[in-house]
Amino acid sequence: MDTFLKCNHHGKEINEQLKSSKKERRKLAERVMITRLSLYNTRMQKCDHTKLYNKISDKNVKLVRERLTQTIIWPFEDDEIVESLD
């Protein structure tokens, strides 16, 4: 009976240690998340959103123009001459 109590006592200590380590991990994860969010917020406040939006829209317009020029079949000067002769 005495050995059972000793083993059971150690089991309780282990369970308490596991619970406390889970709590510590949770607290650490919360602190890391809070730190990341605050860093993100400060970076977003420093960022010029209108400038960033304009850059993105300018790049999109440029890409659309390039795609359009690739898909359009441009007539050659020879074709225009032949059509004018007909």
N, C-alpha and C. Protein backbone atom coordinates (compact mmCIF):
# COMPACT_ATOMS: atom_id res chain seq x y z
N MET A 1 0.82 -1.18 0.00
CA MET A 1 0.00 0.00 0.00
C MET A 1 0.87 1.25 0.00
N ASP A 2 1.97 1.18 0.71
CA ASP A 2 2.86 2.33 0.82
C ASP A 2 3.48 2.68 -0.53
N THR A 3 3.85 1.67 -1.34
CA THR A 3 4.44 1.92 -2.65
C THR A 3 3.42 2.53 -3.60
N PHE A 4 2.16 2.10 -3.46
CA PHE A 4 1.10 2.67 -4.30
C PHE A 4 0.96 4.16 -4.04
N LEU A 5 1.00 4.57 -2.80
CA LEU A 5 0.87 5.98 -2.46
C LEU A 5 2.04 6.78 -3.01
N LYS A 6 3.25 6.22 -2.93
CA LYS A 6 4.42 6.91 -3.46
C LYS A 6 4.30 7.08 -4.97
N CYS A 7 3.91 6.02 -5.67
CA CYS A 7 3.77 6.09 -7.13
C CYS A 7 2.67 7.05 -7.51
N ASN A 8 1.56 6.99 -6.80
CA ASN A 8 0.44 7.87 -7.07
C ASN A 8 0.84 9.32 -6.81
N HIS A 9 1.65 9.55 -5.80
CA HIS A 9 2.11 10.90 -5.47
C HIS A 9 2.99 11.44 -6.60
N HIS A 10 3.88 10.59 -7.11
CA HIS A 10 4.74 11.01 -8.22
C HIS A 10 3.90 11.27 -9.47
N GLY A 11 2.88 10.47 -9.67
CA GLY A 11 2.00 10.68 -10.82
C GLY A 11 1.29 12.02 -10.75
N LYS A 12 0.88 12.41 -9.55
CA LYS A 12 0.23 13.71 -9.37
C LYS A 12 1.19 14.84 -9.66
N GLU A 13 2.44 14.68 -9.21
CA GLU A 13 3.46 15.71 -9.47
C GLU A 13 3.71 15.85 -10.97
N ILE A 14 3.79 14.73 -11.65
CA ILE A 14 4.03 14.75 -13.09
C ILE A 14 2.86 15.43 -13.80
N ASN A 15 1.65 15.08 -13.41
CA ASN A 15 0.48 15.71 -14.01
C ASN A 15 0.47 17.22 -13.77
N GLU A 16 0.83 17.62 -12.56
CA GLU A 16 0.87 19.05 -12.24
C GLU A 16 1.94 19.76 -13.07
N GLN A 17 3.08 19.10 -13.26
CA GLN A 17 4.15 19.69 -14.06
C GLN A 17 3.72 19.82 -15.52
N LEU A 18 3.03 18.80 -16.02
CA LEU A 18 2.55 18.87 -17.40
C LEU A 18 1.53 19.99 -17.57
N LYS A 19 0.63 20.11 -16.61
CA LYS A 19 -0.36 21.19 -16.68
C LYS A 19 0.31 22.56 -16.64
N SER A 20 1.29 22.70 -15.75
CA SER A 20 1.97 24.00 -15.64
C SER A 20 2.77 24.30 -16.91
N SER A 21 3.38 23.28 -17.51
CA SER A 21 4.13 23.53 -18.74
C SER A 21 3.19 23.90 -19.89
N LYS A 22 1.99 23.30 -19.92
CA LYS A 22 1.01 23.68 -20.94
C LYS A 22 0.58 25.13 -20.76
N LYS A 23 0.37 25.54 -19.50
CA LYS A 23 -0.02 26.92 -19.22
C LYS A 23 1.09 27.88 -19.64
N GLU A 24 2.34 27.50 -19.34
CA GLU A 24 3.47 28.35 -19.71
C GLU A 24 3.58 28.48 -21.23
N ARG A 25 3.39 27.37 -21.95
CA ARG A 25 3.44 27.42 -23.41
C ARG A 25 2.33 28.30 -23.96
N ARG A 26 1.15 28.19 -23.39
CA ARG A 26 0.03 29.01 -23.83
C ARG A 26 0.32 30.49 -23.60
N LYS A 27 0.86 30.80 -22.43
CA LYS A 27 1.20 32.20 -22.14
C LYS A 27 2.29 32.70 -23.09
N LEU A 28 3.28 31.86 -23.36
CA LEU A 28 4.34 32.26 -24.29
C LEU A 28 3.77 32.48 -25.69
N ALA A 29 2.89 31.60 -26.12
CA ALA A 29 2.27 31.76 -27.44
C ALA A 29 1.46 33.04 -27.51
N GLU A 30 0.76 33.38 -26.45
CA GLU A 30 -0.01 34.62 -26.41
C GLU A 30 0.91 35.83 -26.48
N ARG A 31 2.03 35.79 -25.76
CA ARG A 31 2.98 36.91 -25.79
C ARG A 31 3.59 37.07 -27.17
N VAL A 32 3.93 35.95 -27.81
CA VAL A 32 4.50 36.01 -29.15
C VAL A 32 3.48 36.60 -30.13
N MET A 33 2.23 36.18 -30.03
CA MET A 33 1.19 36.70 -30.91
C MET A 33 0.98 38.19 -30.70
N ILE A 34 0.96 38.62 -29.45
CA ILE A 34 0.79 40.05 -29.15
C ILE A 34 1.96 40.85 -29.72
N THR A 35 3.17 40.33 -29.57
CA THR A 35 4.34 41.02 -30.11
C THR A 35 4.27 41.12 -31.62
N ARG A 36 3.90 40.04 -32.28
CA ARG A 36 3.80 40.06 -33.74
C ARG A 36 2.73 41.04 -34.21
N LEU A 37 1.59 41.05 -33.53
CA LEU A 37 0.53 41.98 -33.92
C LEU A 37 0.95 43.43 -33.72
N SER A 38 1.63 43.72 -32.64
CA SER A 38 2.07 45.10 -32.42
C SER A 38 3.10 45.52 -33.45
N LEU A 39 4.02 44.63 -33.80
CA LEU A 39 5.00 44.94 -34.84
C LEU A 39 4.33 45.15 -36.18
N TYR A 40 3.34 44.32 -36.49
CA TYR A 40 2.60 44.46 -37.74
C TYR A 40 1.86 45.79 -37.78
N ASN A 41 1.23 46.16 -36.67
CA ASN A 41 0.50 47.43 -36.62
C ASN A 41 1.43 48.62 -36.81
N THR A 42 2.58 48.60 -36.17
CA THR A 42 3.51 49.73 -36.32
C THR A 42 4.03 49.81 -37.75
N ARG A 43 4.27 48.67 -38.37
CA ARG A 43 4.74 48.68 -39.76
C ARG A 43 3.66 49.19 -40.70
N MET A 44 2.42 48.77 -40.47
CA MET A 44 1.32 49.22 -41.33
C MET A 44 1.07 50.71 -41.16
N GLN A 45 1.30 51.25 -39.98
CA GLN A 45 1.10 52.68 -39.77
C GLN A 45 2.17 53.48 -40.50
N LYS A 46 3.37 52.95 -40.60
CA LYS A 46 4.45 53.64 -41.30
C LYS A 46 4.31 53.55 -42.81
N CYS A 47 3.57 52.56 -43.28
CA CYS A 47 3.43 52.32 -44.70
C CYS A 47 2.50 53.35 -45.33
N ASP A 48 2.87 53.84 -46.52
CA ASP A 48 2.03 54.78 -47.26
C ASP A 48 1.13 53.96 -48.18
N HIS A 49 -0.11 53.79 -47.80
CA HIS A 49 -1.02 52.90 -48.52
C HIS A 49 -1.35 53.41 -49.91
N THR A 50 -1.50 54.70 -50.07
CA THR A 50 -1.84 55.23 -51.40
C THR A 50 -0.70 55.01 -52.38
N LYS A 51 0.51 55.21 -51.91
CA LYS A 51 1.69 54.99 -52.76
C LYS A 51 1.78 53.52 -53.16
N LEU A 52 1.57 52.65 -52.19
CA LEU A 52 1.62 51.21 -52.45
C LEU A 52 0.53 50.80 -53.43
N TYR A 53 -0.68 51.32 -53.24
CA TYR A 53 -1.80 51.00 -54.14
C TYR A 53 -1.51 51.49 -55.55
N ASN A 54 -0.95 52.68 -55.67
CA ASN A 54 -0.62 53.21 -57.00
C ASN A 54 0.43 52.37 -57.70
N LYS A 55 1.43 51.92 -56.96
CA LYS A 55 2.46 51.07 -57.56
C LYS A 55 1.84 49.77 -58.09
N ILE A 56 0.98 49.17 -57.28
CA ILE A 56 0.35 47.92 -57.69
C ILE A 56 -0.53 48.13 -58.90
N SER A 57 -1.32 49.19 -58.91
CA SER A 57 -2.21 49.43 -60.05
C SER A 57 -1.41 49.76 -61.31
N ASP A 58 -0.31 50.49 -61.18
CA ASP A 58 0.53 50.78 -62.34
C ASP A 58 1.12 49.50 -62.92
N LYS A 59 1.56 48.60 -62.05
CA LYS A 59 2.10 47.32 -62.53
C LYS A 59 1.01 46.50 -63.22
N ASN A 60 -0.20 46.52 -62.65
CA ASN A 60 -1.29 45.77 -63.27
C ASN A 60 -1.63 46.31 -64.65
N VAL A 61 -1.66 47.63 -64.79
CA VAL A 61 -1.95 48.24 -66.09
C VAL A 61 -0.87 47.85 -67.10
N LYS A 62 0.37 47.89 -66.67
CA LYS A 62 1.48 47.52 -67.56
C LYS A 62 1.35 46.06 -68.00
N LEU A 63 1.02 45.17 -67.08
CA LEU A 63 0.85 43.76 -67.43
C LEU A 63 -0.30 43.55 -68.41
N VAL A 64 -1.41 44.24 -68.18
CA VAL A 64 -2.56 44.10 -69.08
C VAL A 64 -2.20 44.59 -70.46
N ARG A 65 -1.48 45.68 -70.57
CA ARG A 65 -1.05 46.19 -71.87
C ARG A 65 -0.15 45.19 -72.59
N GLU A 66 0.79 44.61 -71.84
CA GLU A 66 1.68 43.61 -72.45
C GLU A 66 0.89 42.42 -72.96
N ARG A 67 -0.06 41.95 -72.20
CA ARG A 67 -0.87 40.80 -72.63
C ARG A 67 -1.70 41.15 -73.86
N LEU A 68 -2.25 42.35 -73.87
CA LEU A 68 -3.04 42.76 -75.04
C LEU A 68 -2.18 42.83 -76.29
N THR A 69 -1.00 43.38 -76.18
CA THR A 69 -0.13 43.46 -77.36
C THR A 69 0.31 42.08 -77.82
N GLN A 70 0.37 41.13 -76.91
CA GLN A 70 0.74 39.77 -77.30
C GLN A 70 -0.41 39.05 -77.98
N THR A 71 -1.64 39.38 -77.62
CA THR A 71 -2.78 38.66 -78.19
C THR A 71 -3.28 39.28 -79.49
N ILE A 72 -3.02 40.56 -79.71
CA ILE A 72 -3.50 41.22 -80.92
C ILE A 72 -2.57 40.87 -82.08
N ILE A 73 -3.16 40.53 -83.20
CA ILE A 73 -2.38 40.26 -84.42
C ILE A 73 -2.29 41.58 -85.18
N TRP A 74 -1.10 42.10 -85.21
CA TRP A 74 -0.90 43.38 -85.87
C TRP A 74 -0.76 43.16 -87.38
N PRO A 75 -1.43 43.98 -88.20
CA PRO A 75 -1.28 43.83 -89.65
C PRO A 75 0.09 44.34 -90.12
N PHE A 76 0.60 43.66 -91.09
CA PHE A 76 1.87 44.09 -91.66
C PHE A 76 1.63 45.14 -92.73
N GLU A 77 2.65 45.89 -93.04
CA GLU A 77 2.53 46.91 -94.08
C GLU A 77 2.21 46.27 -95.42
N ASP A 78 2.75 45.09 -95.68
CA ASP A 78 2.51 44.39 -96.95
C ASP A 78 1.03 44.08 -97.11
N ASP A 79 0.38 43.68 -96.00
CA ASP A 79 -1.05 43.35 -96.06
C ASP A 79 -1.87 44.59 -96.43
N GLU A 80 -1.48 45.74 -95.89
CA GLU A 80 -2.21 46.97 -96.20
C GLU A 80 -2.05 47.34 -97.67
N ILE A 81 -0.88 47.11 -98.20
CA ILE A 81 -0.61 47.42 -99.62
C ILE A 81 -1.44 46.52 -100.52
N VAL A 82 -1.50 45.23 -100.17
CA VAL A 82 -2.25 44.28 -100.97
C VAL A 82 -3.74 44.63 -100.95
N GLU A 83 -4.25 44.99 -99.76
CA GLU A 83 -5.66 45.34 -99.64
C GLU A 83 -5.99 46.61 -100.43
N SER A 84 -5.07 47.55 -100.46
CA SER A 84 -5.33 48.79 -101.21
C SER A 84 -5.31 48.54 -102.71
N LEU A 85 -4.57 47.53 -103.13
CA LEU A 85 -4.53 47.20 -104.56
C LEU A 85 -5.81 46.49 -105.01
N ASP A 86 -6.44 45.77 -104.14
CA ASP A 86 -7.65 45.03 -104.51
C ASP A 86 -8.76 45.96 -104.68
